[in-house]
Amino acid sequence: MIDAIQNSAYAVWVRESPSYFTLSIDDTPDGLLVTLAVRDLSEITQWLLGWGRHVRILEPDALRHRLAEEAAAMLHTHQRD
């Protein structure tokens, strides 16, 4: 699983507090590229949500959809009529 941390300040924090599932952390022109290995998407979902809008899931699609669904549910919870 791969995520890109696009904000350099957040990239420093990711380096200082990597996930247990981190396989590699690489600098790229687009930001920090973090490769993770997990058995189940729920194992990493909360960690990724903690980075908010500063994380972009490159793959797998199922993880990208899971985070999008969670963000939509959070928006729904916090919207006022």
N, C-alpha and C. Protein backbone atom coordinates (compact mmCIF):
# COMPACT_ATOMS: atom_id res chain seq x y z
N MET A 1 0.85 -1.16 0.00
CA MET A 1 0.00 0.00 0.00
C MET A 1 0.89 1.22 0.00
N ILE A 2 0.47 2.22 -0.73
CA ILE A 2 1.33 3.38 -0.89
C ILE A 2 0.55 4.65 -0.63
N ASP A 3 1.13 5.57 0.11
CA ASP A 3 0.53 6.87 0.37
C ASP A 3 1.56 7.94 0.06
N ALA A 4 1.10 9.09 -0.34
CA ALA A 4 2.00 10.22 -0.57
C ALA A 4 1.66 11.32 0.42
N ILE A 5 2.63 11.73 1.20
CA ILE A 5 2.46 12.85 2.12
C ILE A 5 2.99 14.07 1.37
N GLN A 6 2.12 15.04 1.06
CA GLN A 6 2.50 16.12 0.18
C GLN A 6 3.02 17.36 0.89
N ASN A 7 2.78 17.54 2.14
CA ASN A 7 3.21 18.72 2.87
C ASN A 7 4.52 18.39 3.59
N SER A 8 5.55 19.18 3.36
CA SER A 8 6.87 18.85 3.91
C SER A 8 6.88 18.83 5.44
N ALA A 9 6.08 19.68 6.09
CA ALA A 9 6.03 19.66 7.55
C ALA A 9 5.46 18.32 8.04
N TYR A 10 4.46 17.83 7.37
CA TYR A 10 3.88 16.54 7.74
C TYR A 10 4.83 15.41 7.41
N ALA A 11 5.60 15.55 6.36
CA ALA A 11 6.57 14.52 6.00
C ALA A 11 7.56 14.30 7.13
N VAL A 12 7.98 15.37 7.78
CA VAL A 12 8.89 15.25 8.93
C VAL A 12 8.23 14.44 10.03
N TRP A 13 6.96 14.73 10.31
CA TRP A 13 6.25 14.00 11.36
C TRP A 13 6.08 12.54 11.01
N VAL A 14 5.84 12.24 9.75
CA VAL A 14 5.68 10.83 9.33
C VAL A 14 7.00 10.10 9.55
N ARG A 15 8.10 10.74 9.23
CA ARG A 15 9.41 10.11 9.46
C ARG A 15 9.65 9.86 10.94
N GLU A 16 9.19 10.78 11.79
CA GLU A 16 9.43 10.65 13.23
C GLU A 16 8.46 9.69 13.91
N SER A 17 7.31 9.44 13.31
CA SER A 17 6.34 8.53 13.92
C SER A 17 5.77 7.58 12.88
N PRO A 18 6.62 6.74 12.31
CA PRO A 18 6.15 5.82 11.28
C PRO A 18 5.18 4.79 11.86
N SER A 19 4.36 4.26 10.99
CA SER A 19 3.45 3.19 11.37
C SER A 19 4.23 1.90 11.56
N TYR A 20 3.71 1.04 12.37
CA TYR A 20 4.28 -0.31 12.55
C TYR A 20 4.37 -1.03 11.20
N PHE A 21 3.49 -0.68 10.27
CA PHE A 21 3.39 -1.35 8.98
C PHE A 21 4.28 -0.74 7.90
N THR A 22 5.09 0.25 8.23
CA THR A 22 5.91 0.93 7.23
C THR A 22 7.02 0.01 6.73
N LEU A 23 7.08 -0.13 5.39
CA LEU A 23 8.16 -0.88 4.76
C LEU A 23 9.27 0.05 4.28
N SER A 24 8.87 1.20 3.72
CA SER A 24 9.86 2.16 3.24
C SER A 24 9.27 3.56 3.23
N ILE A 25 10.17 4.55 3.31
CA ILE A 25 9.82 5.95 3.23
C ILE A 25 10.82 6.58 2.26
N ASP A 26 10.32 7.15 1.18
CA ASP A 26 11.18 7.73 0.14
C ASP A 26 10.73 9.13 -0.23
N ASP A 27 11.70 10.02 -0.45
CA ASP A 27 11.41 11.36 -0.95
C ASP A 27 11.22 11.29 -2.47
N THR A 28 10.18 11.94 -2.97
CA THR A 28 9.92 12.01 -4.40
C THR A 28 9.60 13.47 -4.75
N PRO A 29 9.61 13.82 -6.01
CA PRO A 29 9.24 15.19 -6.39
C PRO A 29 7.82 15.57 -5.97
N ASP A 30 6.93 14.58 -5.83
CA ASP A 30 5.54 14.84 -5.45
C ASP A 30 5.32 14.86 -3.94
N GLY A 31 6.31 14.49 -3.18
CA GLY A 31 6.16 14.43 -1.73
C GLY A 31 6.81 13.17 -1.18
N LEU A 32 6.46 12.84 0.03
CA LEU A 32 7.01 11.67 0.69
C LEU A 32 6.20 10.45 0.30
N LEU A 33 6.86 9.41 -0.16
CA LEU A 33 6.20 8.18 -0.57
C LEU A 33 6.43 7.13 0.51
N VAL A 34 5.33 6.66 1.10
CA VAL A 34 5.41 5.69 2.19
C VAL A 34 4.76 4.39 1.71
N THR A 35 5.50 3.30 1.81
CA THR A 35 4.98 1.99 1.43
C THR A 35 4.68 1.21 2.70
N LEU A 36 3.46 0.69 2.78
CA LEU A 36 3.01 -0.04 3.95
C LEU A 36 2.59 -1.45 3.56
N ALA A 37 2.69 -2.37 4.49
CA ALA A 37 2.21 -3.74 4.28
C ALA A 37 1.27 -4.09 5.43
N VAL A 38 0.00 -4.32 5.09
CA VAL A 38 -0.99 -4.67 6.10
C VAL A 38 -1.81 -5.85 5.59
N ARG A 39 -2.38 -6.60 6.52
CA ARG A 39 -3.23 -7.73 6.15
C ARG A 39 -4.66 -7.28 5.90
N ASP A 40 -5.09 -6.30 6.67
CA ASP A 40 -6.47 -5.83 6.61
C ASP A 40 -6.46 -4.31 6.60
N LEU A 41 -7.29 -3.69 5.76
CA LEU A 41 -7.30 -2.24 5.64
C LEU A 41 -7.62 -1.53 6.95
N SER A 42 -8.40 -2.17 7.80
CA SER A 42 -8.76 -1.54 9.08
C SER A 42 -7.54 -1.34 9.96
N GLU A 43 -6.46 -2.09 9.71
CA GLU A 43 -5.25 -1.96 10.52
C GLU A 43 -4.58 -0.59 10.35
N ILE A 44 -4.77 0.04 9.23
CA ILE A 44 -4.06 1.28 8.93
C ILE A 44 -4.97 2.49 8.73
N THR A 45 -6.26 2.27 8.63
CA THR A 45 -7.21 3.34 8.32
C THR A 45 -7.11 4.51 9.29
N GLN A 46 -7.12 4.26 10.58
CA GLN A 46 -7.09 5.35 11.56
C GLN A 46 -5.79 6.14 11.50
N TRP A 47 -4.67 5.46 11.29
CA TRP A 47 -3.38 6.15 11.18
C TRP A 47 -3.40 7.10 9.99
N LEU A 48 -3.91 6.63 8.87
CA LEU A 48 -3.97 7.47 7.67
C LEU A 48 -4.93 8.65 7.86
N LEU A 49 -6.08 8.40 8.49
CA LEU A 49 -7.03 9.48 8.75
C LEU A 49 -6.41 10.57 9.62
N GLY A 50 -5.50 10.20 10.47
CA GLY A 50 -4.83 11.15 11.33
C GLY A 50 -4.02 12.19 10.56
N TRP A 51 -3.64 11.91 9.34
CA TRP A 51 -2.89 12.86 8.52
C TRP A 51 -3.82 13.76 7.71
N GLY A 52 -5.13 13.52 7.81
CA GLY A 52 -6.11 14.39 7.17
C GLY A 52 -5.89 14.58 5.69
N ARG A 53 -6.03 15.82 5.25
CA ARG A 53 -5.93 16.14 3.83
C ARG A 53 -4.50 16.09 3.30
N HIS A 54 -3.54 15.81 4.15
CA HIS A 54 -2.16 15.80 3.74
C HIS A 54 -1.70 14.43 3.23
N VAL A 55 -2.59 13.47 3.20
CA VAL A 55 -2.25 12.15 2.68
C VAL A 55 -3.08 11.88 1.43
N ARG A 56 -2.45 11.26 0.46
CA ARG A 56 -3.15 10.84 -0.76
C ARG A 56 -2.83 9.37 -0.97
N ILE A 57 -3.84 8.55 -1.03
CA ILE A 57 -3.66 7.11 -1.21
C ILE A 57 -3.47 6.83 -2.70
N LEU A 58 -2.38 6.21 -3.05
CA LEU A 58 -2.12 5.87 -4.44
C LEU A 58 -2.70 4.51 -4.79
N GLU A 59 -2.59 3.59 -3.87
CA GLU A 59 -3.15 2.25 -4.06
C GLU A 59 -3.21 1.54 -2.72
N PRO A 60 -4.01 0.60 -2.52
CA PRO A 60 -5.00 0.04 -3.44
C PRO A 60 -6.28 0.90 -3.48
N ASP A 61 -7.06 0.69 -4.51
CA ASP A 61 -8.31 1.43 -4.66
C ASP A 61 -9.23 1.24 -3.46
N ALA A 62 -9.26 0.04 -2.91
CA ALA A 62 -10.15 -0.24 -1.78
C ALA A 62 -9.83 0.65 -0.58
N LEU A 63 -8.55 0.92 -0.35
CA LEU A 63 -8.17 1.80 0.77
C LEU A 63 -8.54 3.24 0.46
N ARG A 64 -8.33 3.66 -0.77
CA ARG A 64 -8.70 5.02 -1.17
C ARG A 64 -10.20 5.23 -0.98
N HIS A 65 -11.01 4.24 -1.38
CA HIS A 65 -12.46 4.33 -1.22
C HIS A 65 -12.86 4.33 0.25
N ARG A 66 -12.19 3.52 1.05
CA ARG A 66 -12.51 3.46 2.48
C ARG A 66 -12.27 4.81 3.15
N LEU A 67 -11.15 5.45 2.85
CA LEU A 67 -10.88 6.76 3.44
C LEU A 67 -11.86 7.81 2.94
N ALA A 68 -12.22 7.75 1.66
CA ALA A 68 -13.20 8.70 1.11
C ALA A 68 -14.55 8.53 1.78
N GLU A 69 -14.96 7.29 1.99
CA GLU A 69 -16.24 7.02 2.66
C GLU A 69 -16.22 7.53 4.10
N GLU A 70 -15.12 7.33 4.79
CA GLU A 70 -15.00 7.78 6.17
C GLU A 70 -15.03 9.31 6.23
N ALA A 71 -14.33 9.96 5.30
CA ALA A 71 -14.33 11.43 5.27
C ALA A 71 -15.73 11.96 4.98
N ALA A 72 -16.46 11.32 4.08
CA ALA A 72 -17.83 11.74 3.78
C ALA A 72 -18.72 11.55 5.00
N ALA A 73 -18.55 10.46 5.72
CA ALA A 73 -19.34 10.22 6.92
C ALA A 73 -19.02 11.25 8.00
N MET A 74 -17.76 11.62 8.13
CA MET A 74 -17.37 12.64 9.10
C MET A 74 -17.98 13.99 8.74
N LEU A 75 -17.98 14.32 7.46
CA LEU A 75 -18.58 15.57 7.01
C LEU A 75 -20.07 15.57 7.33
N HIS A 76 -20.73 14.47 7.05
CA HIS A 76 -22.17 14.36 7.34
C HIS A 76 -22.45 14.54 8.83
N THR A 77 -21.63 13.94 9.67
CA THR A 77 -21.79 14.03 11.11
C THR A 77 -21.65 15.46 11.61
N HIS A 78 -20.76 16.22 10.99
CA HIS A 78 -20.45 17.55 11.49
C HIS A 78 -21.14 18.70 10.76
N GLN A 79 -21.92 18.39 9.75
CA GLN A 79 -22.65 19.45 9.05
C GLN A 79 -23.85 19.88 9.87
N ARG A 80 -24.14 21.14 9.80
CA ARG A 80 -25.33 21.67 10.46
C ARG A 80 -26.38 21.95 9.41
N ASP A 81 -27.66 21.77 9.79
CA ASP A 81 -28.74 22.06 8.85
C ASP A 81 -28.95 23.55 8.70
